[in-house]
Amino acid sequence: MVMELPKRENSLGAVCIADDVVEIIAAMAAAEVEGVAGASGLASDLASMFNKAGNKGRGVKVELNEQEAKVDLYLAVEYSHSLVAVAEKVQAAVKNALEMMTGLVTKEVNVHVHGIVFKQAEAKDGAPV
């Protein structure tokens, strides 16, 4: 079942934002942070981001009530990056994106680091070693 934020009424009508949209915004904001390697498909397949069946299990869980959001992100961090620094940057990026794009007050952004990803070595020509 798709939940929606309470409708916002204005002189032209109502604006409704589905929770799936909030999940996509959070996933995209997290994926843009340097050092984030991924999360259960986190922004790795943009086509699935816009397919309702593809939204589930993406590594993002959102709880909405009234005009507030609580977000849980499950992600992996690239080896050699500070886990805490990446997580804090993700928190800030997700909070800023949600508040700017939806007007929601973002009460919590909980980052769960569930893995570390090692980059594959590359030869000088860019081919995997």
N, C-alpha and C. Protein backbone atom coordinates (compact mmCIF):
# COMPACT_ATOMS: atom_id res chain seq x y z
N MET A 1 0.84 -1.18 0.00
CA MET A 1 0.00 0.00 0.00
C MET A 1 0.89 1.25 0.00
N VAL A 2 0.61 2.17 -0.89
CA VAL A 2 1.38 3.39 -0.98
C VAL A 2 0.78 4.43 -0.04
N MET A 3 1.61 4.92 0.86
CA MET A 3 1.16 5.96 1.79
C MET A 3 1.44 7.30 1.13
N GLU A 4 0.69 8.29 1.51
CA GLU A 4 0.94 9.64 1.03
C GLU A 4 0.95 10.59 2.20
N LEU A 5 1.71 11.65 2.04
CA LEU A 5 1.68 12.72 3.02
C LEU A 5 0.31 13.36 2.99
N PRO A 6 -0.09 13.97 4.09
CA PRO A 6 -1.35 14.70 4.04
C PRO A 6 -1.33 15.72 2.91
N LYS A 7 -2.46 15.90 2.28
CA LYS A 7 -2.54 16.84 1.16
C LYS A 7 -2.26 18.26 1.64
N ARG A 8 -1.57 18.98 0.80
CA ARG A 8 -1.34 20.39 1.06
C ARG A 8 -2.26 21.15 0.11
N GLU A 9 -3.12 21.91 0.67
CA GLU A 9 -4.09 22.66 -0.12
C GLU A 9 -3.54 24.06 -0.40
N ASN A 10 -3.82 24.55 -1.59
CA ASN A 10 -3.54 25.93 -1.93
C ASN A 10 -4.65 26.42 -2.84
N SER A 11 -4.53 27.61 -3.37
CA SER A 11 -5.61 28.18 -4.17
C SER A 11 -5.83 27.44 -5.48
N LEU A 12 -4.85 26.64 -5.92
CA LEU A 12 -4.98 25.91 -7.17
C LEU A 12 -5.42 24.47 -6.99
N GLY A 13 -5.38 23.97 -5.77
CA GLY A 13 -5.77 22.59 -5.53
C GLY A 13 -4.90 21.97 -4.46
N ALA A 14 -4.69 20.65 -4.58
CA ALA A 14 -3.95 19.91 -3.56
C ALA A 14 -2.65 19.35 -4.13
N VAL A 15 -1.67 19.18 -3.26
CA VAL A 15 -0.40 18.56 -3.61
C VAL A 15 -0.22 17.35 -2.69
N CYS A 16 -0.02 16.18 -3.29
CA CYS A 16 0.21 14.95 -2.53
C CYS A 16 1.56 14.37 -2.93
N ILE A 17 2.33 13.90 -1.94
CA ILE A 17 3.62 13.29 -2.21
C ILE A 17 3.61 11.88 -1.63
N ALA A 18 3.79 10.88 -2.49
CA ALA A 18 3.79 9.48 -2.05
C ALA A 18 5.08 9.16 -1.32
N ASP A 19 5.02 8.22 -0.38
CA ASP A 19 6.23 7.84 0.36
C ASP A 19 7.29 7.24 -0.56
N ASP A 20 6.89 6.61 -1.65
CA ASP A 20 7.87 6.07 -2.61
C ASP A 20 8.73 7.18 -3.20
N VAL A 21 8.15 8.35 -3.39
CA VAL A 21 8.89 9.49 -3.92
C VAL A 21 9.92 9.95 -2.89
N VAL A 22 9.53 9.97 -1.64
CA VAL A 22 10.46 10.36 -0.57
C VAL A 22 11.61 9.36 -0.50
N GLU A 23 11.31 8.07 -0.67
CA GLU A 23 12.36 7.05 -0.67
C GLU A 23 13.34 7.28 -1.82
N ILE A 24 12.83 7.60 -2.98
CA ILE A 24 13.69 7.83 -4.15
C ILE A 24 14.60 9.03 -3.91
N ILE A 25 14.03 10.10 -3.38
CA ILE A 25 14.84 11.30 -3.10
C ILE A 25 15.95 10.96 -2.12
N ALA A 26 15.62 10.23 -1.06
CA ALA A 26 16.63 9.86 -0.06
C ALA A 26 17.71 8.98 -0.68
N ALA A 27 17.31 8.01 -1.50
CA ALA A 27 18.28 7.11 -2.14
C ALA A 27 19.21 7.86 -3.08
N MET A 28 18.64 8.74 -3.87
CA MET A 28 19.46 9.50 -4.82
C MET A 28 20.44 10.42 -4.09
N ALA A 29 19.97 11.07 -3.03
CA ALA A 29 20.85 11.97 -2.28
C ALA A 29 21.99 11.18 -1.64
N ALA A 30 21.69 10.01 -1.08
CA ALA A 30 22.73 9.18 -0.46
C ALA A 30 23.73 8.69 -1.50
N ALA A 31 23.23 8.27 -2.65
CA ALA A 31 24.10 7.72 -3.70
C ALA A 31 25.09 8.74 -4.23
N GLU A 32 24.76 10.02 -4.12
CA GLU A 32 25.64 11.08 -4.63
C GLU A 32 26.80 11.40 -3.69
N VAL A 33 26.77 10.86 -2.49
CA VAL A 33 27.83 11.14 -1.52
C VAL A 33 29.07 10.30 -1.85
N GLU A 34 30.22 10.97 -1.91
CA GLU A 34 31.47 10.26 -2.20
C GLU A 34 31.74 9.24 -1.09
N GLY A 35 32.05 8.01 -1.51
CA GLY A 35 32.34 6.95 -0.56
C GLY A 35 31.20 5.96 -0.38
N VAL A 36 29.99 6.34 -0.82
CA VAL A 36 28.88 5.40 -0.75
C VAL A 36 29.02 4.42 -1.90
N ALA A 37 29.09 3.14 -1.57
CA ALA A 37 29.30 2.12 -2.59
C ALA A 37 27.98 1.53 -3.07
N GLY A 38 26.98 1.54 -2.23
CA GLY A 38 25.70 0.99 -2.66
C GLY A 38 24.90 0.48 -1.48
N ALA A 39 23.68 0.05 -1.80
CA ALA A 39 22.81 -0.51 -0.77
C ALA A 39 21.66 -1.22 -1.43
N SER A 40 21.59 -2.47 -1.29
CA SER A 40 20.45 -3.23 -1.81
C SER A 40 19.92 -2.62 -3.10
N GLY A 41 20.80 -2.21 -3.98
CA GLY A 41 20.39 -1.60 -5.24
C GLY A 41 20.28 -0.10 -5.17
N LEU A 42 20.77 0.53 -4.10
CA LEU A 42 20.65 1.96 -3.90
C LEU A 42 21.11 2.74 -5.12
N ALA A 43 20.16 3.28 -5.86
CA ALA A 43 20.41 4.13 -7.02
C ALA A 43 21.28 3.48 -8.08
N SER A 44 21.49 2.17 -8.00
CA SER A 44 22.33 1.52 -9.00
C SER A 44 21.57 1.24 -10.28
N ASP A 45 20.27 1.16 -10.19
CA ASP A 45 19.45 0.90 -11.38
C ASP A 45 18.33 1.93 -11.41
N LEU A 46 18.60 3.05 -12.08
CA LEU A 46 17.63 4.14 -12.08
C LEU A 46 16.27 3.73 -12.63
N ALA A 47 16.24 2.82 -13.58
CA ALA A 47 14.96 2.38 -14.13
C ALA A 47 14.10 1.76 -13.04
N SER A 48 14.72 0.98 -12.16
CA SER A 48 13.93 0.34 -11.11
C SER A 48 13.48 1.33 -10.05
N MET A 49 14.16 2.48 -9.96
CA MET A 49 13.78 3.50 -8.98
C MET A 49 12.38 4.03 -9.27
N PHE A 50 12.00 4.02 -10.54
CA PHE A 50 10.72 4.59 -10.92
C PHE A 50 9.67 3.53 -11.16
N ASN A 51 10.01 2.30 -10.88
CA ASN A 51 9.08 1.19 -11.00
C ASN A 51 8.68 0.83 -9.58
N LYS A 52 7.41 0.91 -9.27
CA LYS A 52 6.97 0.68 -7.89
C LYS A 52 7.49 -0.64 -7.33
N ALA A 53 7.52 -1.70 -8.12
CA ALA A 53 8.03 -2.98 -7.63
C ALA A 53 9.51 -2.88 -7.31
N GLY A 54 10.23 -1.98 -8.00
CA GLY A 54 11.67 -1.83 -7.78
C GLY A 54 12.01 -1.03 -6.55
N ASN A 55 11.04 -0.32 -5.97
CA ASN A 55 11.33 0.51 -4.82
C ASN A 55 11.58 -0.29 -3.55
N LYS A 56 10.93 -1.42 -3.41
CA LYS A 56 11.04 -2.19 -2.19
C LYS A 56 12.39 -2.88 -2.12
N GLY A 57 12.95 -2.94 -0.92
CA GLY A 57 14.22 -3.60 -0.73
C GLY A 57 15.39 -2.80 -1.29
N ARG A 58 15.23 -1.50 -1.44
CA ARG A 58 16.25 -0.68 -2.06
C ARG A 58 17.28 -0.20 -1.04
N GLY A 59 17.09 -0.50 0.21
CA GLY A 59 18.01 -0.03 1.22
C GLY A 59 17.56 1.27 1.87
N VAL A 60 16.30 1.65 1.64
CA VAL A 60 15.75 2.88 2.22
C VAL A 60 14.40 2.56 2.84
N LYS A 61 14.22 3.00 4.07
CA LYS A 61 12.92 2.87 4.74
C LYS A 61 12.53 4.25 5.23
N VAL A 62 11.32 4.66 4.91
CA VAL A 62 10.85 5.99 5.29
C VAL A 62 9.57 5.86 6.10
N GLU A 63 9.50 6.60 7.20
CA GLU A 63 8.27 6.71 7.98
C GLU A 63 7.82 8.16 7.92
N LEU A 64 6.59 8.37 7.49
CA LEU A 64 6.05 9.72 7.37
C LEU A 64 4.89 9.91 8.32
N ASN A 65 4.82 11.08 8.94
CA ASN A 65 3.64 11.46 9.69
C ASN A 65 3.51 12.97 9.64
N GLU A 66 2.31 13.41 9.36
CA GLU A 66 2.04 14.84 9.20
C GLU A 66 3.08 15.45 8.27
N GLN A 67 3.94 16.32 8.80
CA GLN A 67 4.93 17.00 7.97
C GLN A 67 6.35 16.62 8.36
N GLU A 68 6.52 15.41 8.92
CA GLU A 68 7.83 14.97 9.37
C GLU A 68 8.21 13.64 8.72
N ALA A 69 9.52 13.43 8.62
CA ALA A 69 10.02 12.17 8.06
C ALA A 69 11.11 11.60 8.95
N LYS A 70 11.13 10.27 9.00
CA LYS A 70 12.21 9.52 9.64
C LYS A 70 12.72 8.56 8.57
N VAL A 71 14.03 8.56 8.33
CA VAL A 71 14.62 7.77 7.25
C VAL A 71 15.66 6.83 7.82
N ASP A 72 15.63 5.58 7.35
CA ASP A 72 16.67 4.61 7.64
C ASP A 72 17.29 4.20 6.32
N LEU A 73 18.60 4.30 6.21
CA LEU A 73 19.33 3.90 5.01
C LEU A 73 20.30 2.78 5.36
N TYR A 74 20.33 1.77 4.53
CA TYR A 74 21.22 0.63 4.71
C TYR A 74 22.18 0.63 3.53
N LEU A 75 23.46 0.89 3.81
CA LEU A 75 24.39 1.06 2.69
C LEU A 75 25.76 0.46 2.97
N ALA A 76 26.53 0.38 1.90
CA ALA A 76 27.91 -0.06 1.98
C ALA A 76 28.80 1.13 1.64
N VAL A 77 29.98 1.15 2.24
CA VAL A 77 30.93 2.24 2.05
C VAL A 77 32.17 1.69 1.36
N GLU A 78 32.74 2.49 0.46
CA GLU A 78 33.97 2.10 -0.22
C GLU A 78 35.12 2.04 0.78
N TYR A 79 35.96 1.01 0.64
CA TYR A 79 37.13 0.86 1.49
C TYR A 79 38.02 2.10 1.34
N SER A 80 38.64 2.50 2.40
CA SER A 80 39.56 3.64 2.53
C SER A 80 38.84 4.93 2.87
N HIS A 81 37.51 4.92 2.92
CA HIS A 81 36.77 6.10 3.37
C HIS A 81 36.40 5.93 4.84
N SER A 82 36.35 7.02 5.55
CA SER A 82 35.92 6.99 6.95
C SER A 82 34.43 6.66 7.00
N LEU A 83 34.08 5.58 7.67
CA LEU A 83 32.68 5.17 7.76
C LEU A 83 31.82 6.25 8.41
N VAL A 84 32.32 6.81 9.49
CA VAL A 84 31.57 7.84 10.21
C VAL A 84 31.42 9.10 9.36
N ALA A 85 32.49 9.52 8.69
CA ALA A 85 32.43 10.73 7.86
C ALA A 85 31.45 10.54 6.70
N VAL A 86 31.48 9.38 6.04
CA VAL A 86 30.55 9.12 4.95
C VAL A 86 29.11 9.12 5.48
N ALA A 87 28.89 8.44 6.60
CA ALA A 87 27.54 8.37 7.18
C ALA A 87 27.02 9.77 7.53
N GLU A 88 27.87 10.61 8.09
CA GLU A 88 27.45 11.97 8.44
C GLU A 88 27.14 12.79 7.19
N LYS A 89 27.91 12.61 6.13
CA LYS A 89 27.64 13.32 4.87
C LYS A 89 26.33 12.83 4.27
N VAL A 90 26.06 11.55 4.38
CA VAL A 90 24.79 11.00 3.88
C VAL A 90 23.63 11.61 4.67
N GLN A 91 23.77 11.67 5.99
CA GLN A 91 22.71 12.26 6.81
C GLN A 91 22.40 13.68 6.37
N ALA A 92 23.44 14.48 6.19
CA ALA A 92 23.25 15.88 5.80
C ALA A 92 22.64 15.98 4.40
N ALA A 93 23.14 15.17 3.46
CA ALA A 93 22.64 15.23 2.08
C ALA A 93 21.17 14.82 2.00
N VAL A 94 20.80 13.76 2.71
CA VAL A 94 19.41 13.30 2.68
C VAL A 94 18.49 14.32 3.34
N LYS A 95 18.90 14.83 4.48
CA LYS A 95 18.08 15.84 5.18
C LYS A 95 17.87 17.07 4.29
N ASN A 96 18.94 17.56 3.70
CA ASN A 96 18.83 18.75 2.83
C ASN A 96 17.95 18.49 1.63
N ALA A 97 18.13 17.35 0.98
CA ALA A 97 17.35 17.03 -0.22
C ALA A 97 15.86 16.91 0.12
N LEU A 98 15.54 16.20 1.19
CA LEU A 98 14.13 16.02 1.54
C LEU A 98 13.47 17.34 1.93
N GLU A 99 14.16 18.13 2.71
CA GLU A 99 13.57 19.39 3.15
C GLU A 99 13.42 20.37 2.00
N MET A 100 14.41 20.38 1.08
CA MET A 100 14.33 21.29 -0.05
C MET A 100 13.24 20.85 -1.04
N MET A 101 13.18 19.57 -1.34
CA MET A 101 12.28 19.09 -2.39
C MET A 101 10.85 18.84 -1.93
N THR A 102 10.66 18.52 -0.64
CA THR A 102 9.31 18.18 -0.18
C THR A 102 8.75 19.12 0.87
N GLY A 103 9.61 19.86 1.52
CA GLY A 103 9.15 20.72 2.61
C GLY A 103 8.98 19.96 3.92
N LEU A 104 9.31 18.67 3.92
CA LEU A 104 9.20 17.87 5.14
C LEU A 104 10.27 18.27 6.15
N VAL A 105 9.92 18.25 7.42
CA VAL A 105 10.91 18.38 8.47
C VAL A 105 11.49 16.99 8.66
N THR A 106 12.78 16.85 8.45
CA THR A 106 13.42 15.54 8.55
C THR A 106 13.95 15.37 9.97
N LYS A 107 13.23 14.59 10.76
CA LYS A 107 13.57 14.42 12.17
C LYS A 107 14.77 13.51 12.38
N GLU A 108 14.86 12.44 11.59
CA GLU A 108 15.97 11.50 11.74
C GLU A 108 16.41 10.97 10.39
N VAL A 109 17.72 10.82 10.25
CA VAL A 109 18.29 10.09 9.12
C VAL A 109 19.28 9.11 9.74
N ASN A 110 18.86 7.87 9.87
CA ASN A 110 19.69 6.83 10.48
C ASN A 110 20.41 6.07 9.38
N VAL A 111 21.74 6.03 9.47
CA VAL A 111 22.54 5.35 8.46
C VAL A 111 23.09 4.06 9.08
N HIS A 112 22.79 2.95 8.42
CA HIS A 112 23.24 1.64 8.86
C HIS A 112 24.27 1.15 7.84
N VAL A 113 25.54 1.13 8.22
CA VAL A 113 26.59 0.65 7.31
C VAL A 113 26.62 -0.86 7.43
N HIS A 114 26.25 -1.54 6.35
CA HIS A 114 26.17 -3.00 6.39
C HIS A 114 27.28 -3.68 5.62
N GLY A 115 28.23 -2.90 5.09
CA GLY A 115 29.33 -3.53 4.37
C GLY A 115 30.36 -2.53 3.90
N ILE A 116 31.49 -3.10 3.49
CA ILE A 116 32.57 -2.32 2.89
C ILE A 116 32.84 -2.93 1.52
N VAL A 117 33.02 -2.08 0.52
CA VAL A 117 33.27 -2.55 -0.83
C VAL A 117 34.70 -2.17 -1.21
N PHE A 118 35.43 -3.16 -1.73
CA PHE A 118 36.79 -2.95 -2.17
C PHE A 118 36.77 -2.68 -3.67
N LYS A 119 37.40 -1.61 -4.08
CA LYS A 119 37.46 -1.30 -5.51
C LYS A 119 38.37 -2.29 -6.19
N GLN A 120 37.96 -2.71 -7.40
CA GLN A 120 38.77 -3.63 -8.18
C GLN A 120 39.93 -2.85 -8.79
N ALA A 121 41.12 -3.45 -8.73
CA ALA A 121 42.29 -2.81 -9.29
C ALA A 121 42.13 -2.70 -10.81
N GLU A 122 42.66 -1.62 -11.39
CA GLU A 122 42.59 -1.42 -12.83
C GLU A 122 43.99 -1.27 -13.40
N ALA A 123 44.18 -1.78 -14.60
CA ALA A 123 45.44 -1.59 -15.31
C ALA A 123 45.50 -0.16 -15.83
N LYS A 124 46.63 0.26 -16.35
CA LYS A 124 46.78 1.63 -16.84
C LYS A 124 45.79 1.97 -17.95
N ASP A 125 45.37 0.95 -18.72
CA ASP A 125 44.43 1.21 -19.80
C ASP A 125 42.97 1.21 -19.33
N GLY A 126 42.76 1.04 -18.00
CA GLY A 126 41.40 1.07 -17.45
C GLY A 126 40.72 -0.28 -17.37
N ALA A 127 41.35 -1.32 -17.90
CA ALA A 127 40.78 -2.67 -17.84
C ALA A 127 41.00 -3.27 -16.46
N PRO A 128 40.03 -4.06 -15.96
CA PRO A 128 40.21 -4.70 -14.65
C PRO A 128 41.43 -5.62 -14.66
N VAL A 129 42.11 -5.67 -13.51
CA VAL A 129 43.30 -6.52 -13.37
C VAL A 129 42.87 -7.89 -12.86
